[in-house]
Amino acid sequence: MTDDETADVLRETIDAYLTEVDPEDLDSDDLAWTLVSALRRARERQETRD
């Protein structure tokens, strides 16, 4: 995965997280694990394309 692809995945995930979560309920640990999951899914998709 290129840096641009990684940045795209992170940006999309952060945008979706901030859209879905009430600002008063923001949790950095939850966001971190959401990002980990998104990166894992992106890597798995890339592996199936290769």
Protein backbone atom coordinates (compact mmCIF):
# COMPACT_ATOMS: atom_id res chain seq x y z
CA MET A 1 0.00 0.00 0.00
CA THR A 2 1.43 3.37 -0.97
CA ASP A 3 1.56 6.35 1.36
CA ASP A 4 -1.19 8.00 -0.69
CA GLU A 5 -3.42 4.95 -0.37
CA THR A 6 -2.75 4.79 3.38
CA ALA A 7 -3.58 8.48 3.77
CA ASP A 8 -6.82 7.96 1.81
CA VAL A 9 -7.89 5.07 4.05
CA LEU A 10 -7.08 7.02 7.21
CA ARG A 11 -8.82 10.18 5.97
CA GLU A 12 -11.98 8.31 4.94
CA THR A 13 -12.07 6.41 8.23
CA ILE A 14 -11.57 9.52 10.36
CA ASP A 15 -14.24 11.40 8.39
CA ALA A 16 -16.71 8.54 8.83
CA TYR A 17 -15.89 8.20 12.53
CA LEU A 18 -16.37 11.93 13.17
CA THR A 19 -19.64 11.87 11.23
CA GLU A 20 -21.05 8.92 13.18
CA VAL A 21 -19.86 9.72 16.71
CA ASP A 22 -21.27 12.47 18.89
CA PRO A 23 -18.47 14.98 19.58
CA GLU A 24 -19.03 14.59 23.32
CA ASP A 25 -18.48 10.83 22.99
CA LEU A 26 -15.19 10.96 21.09
CA ASP A 27 -12.79 8.34 22.38
CA SER A 28 -9.20 8.30 21.13
CA ASP A 29 -8.81 4.61 21.96
CA ASP A 30 -11.92 3.75 19.96
CA LEU A 31 -10.72 5.89 17.05
CA ALA A 32 -7.30 4.23 17.15
CA TRP A 33 -8.81 0.73 16.94
CA THR A 34 -11.18 1.87 14.19
CA LEU A 35 -8.14 3.02 12.21
CA VAL A 36 -6.31 -0.26 12.85
CA SER A 37 -9.32 -2.19 11.55
CA ALA A 38 -9.63 0.01 8.47
CA LEU A 39 -5.95 -0.41 7.61
CA ARG A 40 -6.20 -4.18 8.08
CA ARG A 41 -9.22 -4.35 5.73
CA ALA A 42 -7.44 -2.17 3.15
CA ARG A 43 -4.35 -4.41 3.25
CA GLU A 44 -6.49 -7.52 2.89
CA ARG A 45 -8.29 -6.02 -0.13
CA GLN A 46 -4.96 -5.14 -1.67
CA GLU A 47 -3.64 -8.68 -1.14
CA THR A 48 -6.65 -10.16 -2.92
CA ARG A 49 -6.07 -7.82 -5.89
CA ASP A 50 -2.39 -8.77 -6.20
